[in-house]
Amino acid sequence: MNLYKSIRLMKKLTIFFLYGILLAGPGTALEKAAAAMKAGLFREALVHVDIAQAQDRTNAEVYRLKALLHEAIDEPNKAVQAWQSCLENTQDNALINEAKVHIQSLQGRE
C-alpha cells in the first residue's frame, strides 16, 4: 500500500472512531446529527435529525439541518419541504432569507 492510500485510510478510520465516540457518549440528537454530517454520513445524520424533530417539532434549526442533508443527498423535494417547515417555525430574519434562497434555488432545478 502506498503512503497516500495509507494516509487516506488513517483519516477515514480516525473519522469513524471519533464519530463512534460521539454517538456512544451523551449528546442530543442534534449533536449526533452534526457529528454524522461532519463525518459525511448524511443518511445516518438524517436518522438523528428525525429523532430531534420528534422531540421538538418547532425547532427551525432541526428543519434547517434536515434540509441541508436532503440537499447533500440530492433529494430536492424533501429539502424544499424541510426549508418550508423551517420558515414556518422561525422569526429569525437571517434564517428566513437563507431558507428562501435555498427554496428558490431548489425549485429552479426542477
C-alpha atoms as a PDB file:
ATOM      1  CA  MET A   1       0.000   0.000   0.000  1.00  0.00           C
ATOM      2  CA  ASN A   2       1.475   3.346  -0.920  1.00  0.00           C
ATOM      3  CA  LEU A   3       1.791   6.263   1.508  1.00  0.00           C
ATOM      4  CA  TYR A   4      -1.113   8.215   0.033  1.00  0.00           C
ATOM      5  CA  LYS A   5      -3.532   5.308   0.465  1.00  0.00           C
ATOM      6  CA  SER A   6      -2.274   4.699   4.000  1.00  0.00           C
ATOM      7  CA  ILE A   7      -2.875   8.314   4.974  1.00  0.00           C
ATOM      8  CA  ARG A   8      -6.390   8.264   3.469  1.00  0.00           C
ATOM      9  CA  LEU A   9      -7.182   5.060   5.322  1.00  0.00           C
ATOM     10  CA  MET A  10      -5.939   6.513   8.616  1.00  0.00           C
ATOM     11  CA  LYS A  11      -8.055   9.652   8.115  1.00  0.00           C
ATOM     12  CA  LYS A  12     -11.162   7.554   7.462  1.00  0.00           C
ATOM     13  CA  LEU A  13     -10.535   5.345  10.464  1.00  0.00           C
ATOM     14  CA  THR A  14      -9.999   8.394  12.668  1.00  0.00           C
ATOM     15  CA  ILE A  15     -13.261   9.960  11.497  1.00  0.00           C
ATOM     16  CA  PHE A  16     -15.217   6.765  12.135  1.00  0.00           C
ATOM     17  CA  PHE A  17     -13.552   6.310  15.536  1.00  0.00           C
ATOM     18  CA  LEU A  18     -14.383   9.869  16.610  1.00  0.00           C
ATOM     19  CA  TYR A  19     -17.879   9.555  15.223  1.00  0.00           C
ATOM     20  CA  GLY A  20     -18.372   6.337  17.204  1.00  0.00           C
ATOM     21  CA  ILE A  21     -17.256   8.041  20.403  1.00  0.00           C
ATOM     22  CA  LEU A  22     -19.622  10.949  19.799  1.00  0.00           C
ATOM     23  CA  LEU A  23     -22.580   8.654  19.185  1.00  0.00           C
ATOM     24  CA  ALA A  24     -21.804   6.412  22.124  1.00  0.00           C
ATOM     25  CA  GLY A  25     -21.455   9.295  24.547  1.00  0.00           C
ATOM     26  CA  PRO A  26     -24.059  11.654  25.870  1.00  0.00           C
ATOM     27  CA  GLY A  27     -25.352  14.231  23.477  1.00  0.00           C
ATOM     28  CA  THR A  28     -28.510  15.491  21.948  1.00  0.00           C
ATOM     29  CA  ALA A  29     -29.898  14.094  18.750  1.00  0.00           C
ATOM     30  CA  LEU A  30     -28.848  17.319  17.016  1.00  0.00           C
ATOM     31  CA  GLU A  31     -25.278  16.973  18.268  1.00  0.00           C
ATOM     32  CA  LYS A  32     -25.195  13.415  16.985  1.00  0.00           C
ATOM     33  CA  ALA A  33     -26.641  14.526  13.653  1.00  0.00           C
ATOM     34  CA  ALA A  34     -23.990  17.232  13.362  1.00  0.00           C
ATOM     35  CA  ALA A  35     -21.245  14.709  14.133  1.00  0.00           C
ATOM     36  CA  ALA A  36     -22.555  12.326  11.482  1.00  0.00           C
ATOM     37  CA  MET A  37     -22.864  15.155   8.991  1.00  0.00           C
ATOM     38  CA  LYS A  38     -19.274  16.248   9.606  1.00  0.00           C
ATOM     39  CA  ALA A  39     -18.168  12.653   9.029  1.00  0.00           C
ATOM     40  CA  GLY A  40     -20.010  12.640   5.701  1.00  0.00           C
ATOM     41  CA  LEU A  41     -22.607  10.136   6.918  1.00  0.00           C
ATOM     42  CA  PHE A  42     -25.611  12.084   5.681  1.00  0.00           C
ATOM     43  CA  ARG A  43     -28.232   9.335   5.859  1.00  0.00           C
ATOM     44  CA  GLU A  44     -27.132   8.471   9.408  1.00  0.00           C
ATOM     45  CA  ALA A  45     -27.388  12.157  10.265  1.00  0.00           C
ATOM     46  CA  LEU A  46     -30.979  12.178   8.979  1.00  0.00           C
ATOM     47  CA  VAL A  47     -31.859   9.423  11.450  1.00  0.00           C
ATOM     48  CA  HIS A  48     -30.732  11.660  14.309  1.00  0.00           C
ATOM     49  CA  VAL A  49     -32.471  14.704  12.804  1.00  0.00           C
ATOM     50  CA  ASP A  50     -35.714  12.738  12.706  1.00  0.00           C
ATOM     51  CA  ILE A  51     -35.269  11.950  16.410  1.00  0.00           C
ATOM     52  CA  ALA A  52     -34.630  15.620  17.153  1.00  0.00           C
ATOM     53  CA  GLN A  53     -37.693  16.582  15.112  1.00  0.00           C
ATOM     54  CA  ALA A  54     -39.866  14.140  17.073  1.00  0.00           C
ATOM     55  CA  GLN A  55     -38.602  15.711  20.303  1.00  0.00           C
ATOM     56  CA  ASP A  56     -39.254  19.294  19.151  1.00  0.00           C
ATOM     57  CA  ARG A  57     -41.402  19.909  16.109  1.00  0.00           C
ATOM     58  CA  THR A  58     -40.996  23.700  16.348  1.00  0.00           C
ATOM     59  CA  ASN A  59     -37.193  23.926  16.225  1.00  0.00           C
ATOM     60  CA  ALA A  60     -36.306  25.722  12.998  1.00  0.00           C
ATOM     61  CA  GLU A  61     -32.663  24.597  13.280  1.00  0.00           C
ATOM     62  CA  VAL A  62     -33.790  20.971  13.081  1.00  0.00           C
ATOM     63  CA  TYR A  63     -35.555  21.696   9.803  1.00  0.00           C
ATOM     64  CA  ARG A  64     -32.551  23.693   8.535  1.00  0.00           C
ATOM     65  CA  LEU A  65     -30.217  20.780   9.169  1.00  0.00           C
ATOM     66  CA  LYS A  66     -32.714  18.347   7.654  1.00  0.00           C
ATOM     67  CA  ALA A  67     -32.992  20.492   4.527  1.00  0.00           C
ATOM     68  CA  LEU A  68     -29.221  20.737   4.142  1.00  0.00           C
ATOM     69  CA  LEU A  69     -28.894  16.973   4.489  1.00  0.00           C
ATOM     70  CA  HIS A  70     -31.559  16.342   1.855  1.00  0.00           C
ATOM     71  CA  GLU A  71     -29.726  18.734  -0.445  1.00  0.00           C
ATOM     72  CA  ALA A  72     -26.475  16.857   0.175  1.00  0.00           C
ATOM     73  CA  ILE A  73     -28.010  13.534  -0.865  1.00  0.00           C
ATOM     74  CA  ASP A  74     -29.786  15.096  -3.847  1.00  0.00           C
ATOM     75  CA  GLU A  75     -33.368  14.943  -2.605  1.00  0.00           C
ATOM     76  CA  PRO A  76     -34.563  18.415  -3.639  1.00  0.00           C
ATOM     77  CA  ASN A  77     -38.286  17.874  -2.996  1.00  0.00           C
ATOM     78  CA  LYS A  78     -37.654  16.756   0.578  1.00  0.00           C
ATOM     79  CA  ALA A  79     -35.208  19.638   1.012  1.00  0.00           C
ATOM     80  CA  VAL A  80     -37.861  22.149  -0.089  1.00  0.00           C
ATOM     81  CA  GLN A  81     -40.359  20.652   2.368  1.00  0.00           C
ATOM     82  CA  ALA A  82     -37.840  20.946   5.185  1.00  0.00           C
ATOM     83  CA  TRP A  83     -36.972  24.548   4.249  1.00  0.00           C
ATOM     84  CA  GLN A  84     -40.698  25.397   4.225  1.00  0.00           C
ATOM     85  CA  SER A  85     -41.057  23.893   7.708  1.00  0.00           C
ATOM     86  CA  CYS A  86     -38.035  25.921   8.744  1.00  0.00           C
ATOM     87  CA  LEU A  87     -39.763  29.097   7.516  1.00  0.00           C
ATOM     88  CA  GLU A  88     -42.929  28.224   9.412  1.00  0.00           C
ATOM     89  CA  ASN A  89     -41.010  27.854  12.670  1.00  0.00           C
ATOM     90  CA  THR A  90     -38.677  30.837  12.737  1.00  0.00           C
ATOM     91  CA  GLN A  91     -38.772  34.579  13.228  1.00  0.00           C
ATOM     92  CA  ASP A  92     -35.038  34.936  12.570  1.00  0.00           C
ATOM     93  CA  ASN A  93     -34.547  37.150   9.503  1.00  0.00           C
ATOM     94  CA  ALA A  94     -31.222  35.590   8.536  1.00  0.00           C
ATOM     95  CA  LEU A  95     -32.721  32.095   8.650  1.00  0.00           C
ATOM     96  CA  ILE A  96     -35.785  33.268   6.716  1.00  0.00           C
ATOM     97  CA  ASN A  97     -33.548  34.697   3.998  1.00  0.00           C
ATOM     98  CA  GLU A  98     -31.417  31.541   3.912  1.00  0.00           C
ATOM     99  CA  ALA A  99     -34.491  29.336   3.556  1.00  0.00           C
ATOM    100  CA  LYS A 100     -35.956  31.481   0.772  1.00  0.00           C
ATOM    101  CA  VAL A 101     -32.693  31.423  -1.193  1.00  0.00           C
ATOM    102  CA  HIS A 102     -32.468  27.634  -0.896  1.00  0.00           C
ATOM    103  CA  ILE A 103     -36.107  27.116  -1.853  1.00  0.00           C
ATOM    104  CA  GLN A 104     -35.745  29.349  -4.911  1.00  0.00           C
ATOM    105  CA  SER A 105     -32.561  27.567  -5.948  1.00  0.00           C
ATOM    106  CA  LEU A 106     -34.053  24.101  -5.456  1.00  0.00           C
ATOM    107  CA  GLN A 107     -37.247  24.907  -7.309  1.00  0.00           C
ATOM    108  CA  GLY A 108     -35.185  26.278 -10.191  1.00  0.00           C
ATOM    109  CA  ARG A 109     -33.571  22.833 -10.601  1.00  0.00           C
ATOM    110  CA  GLU A 110     -36.858  21.096 -11.390  1.00  0.00           C
END
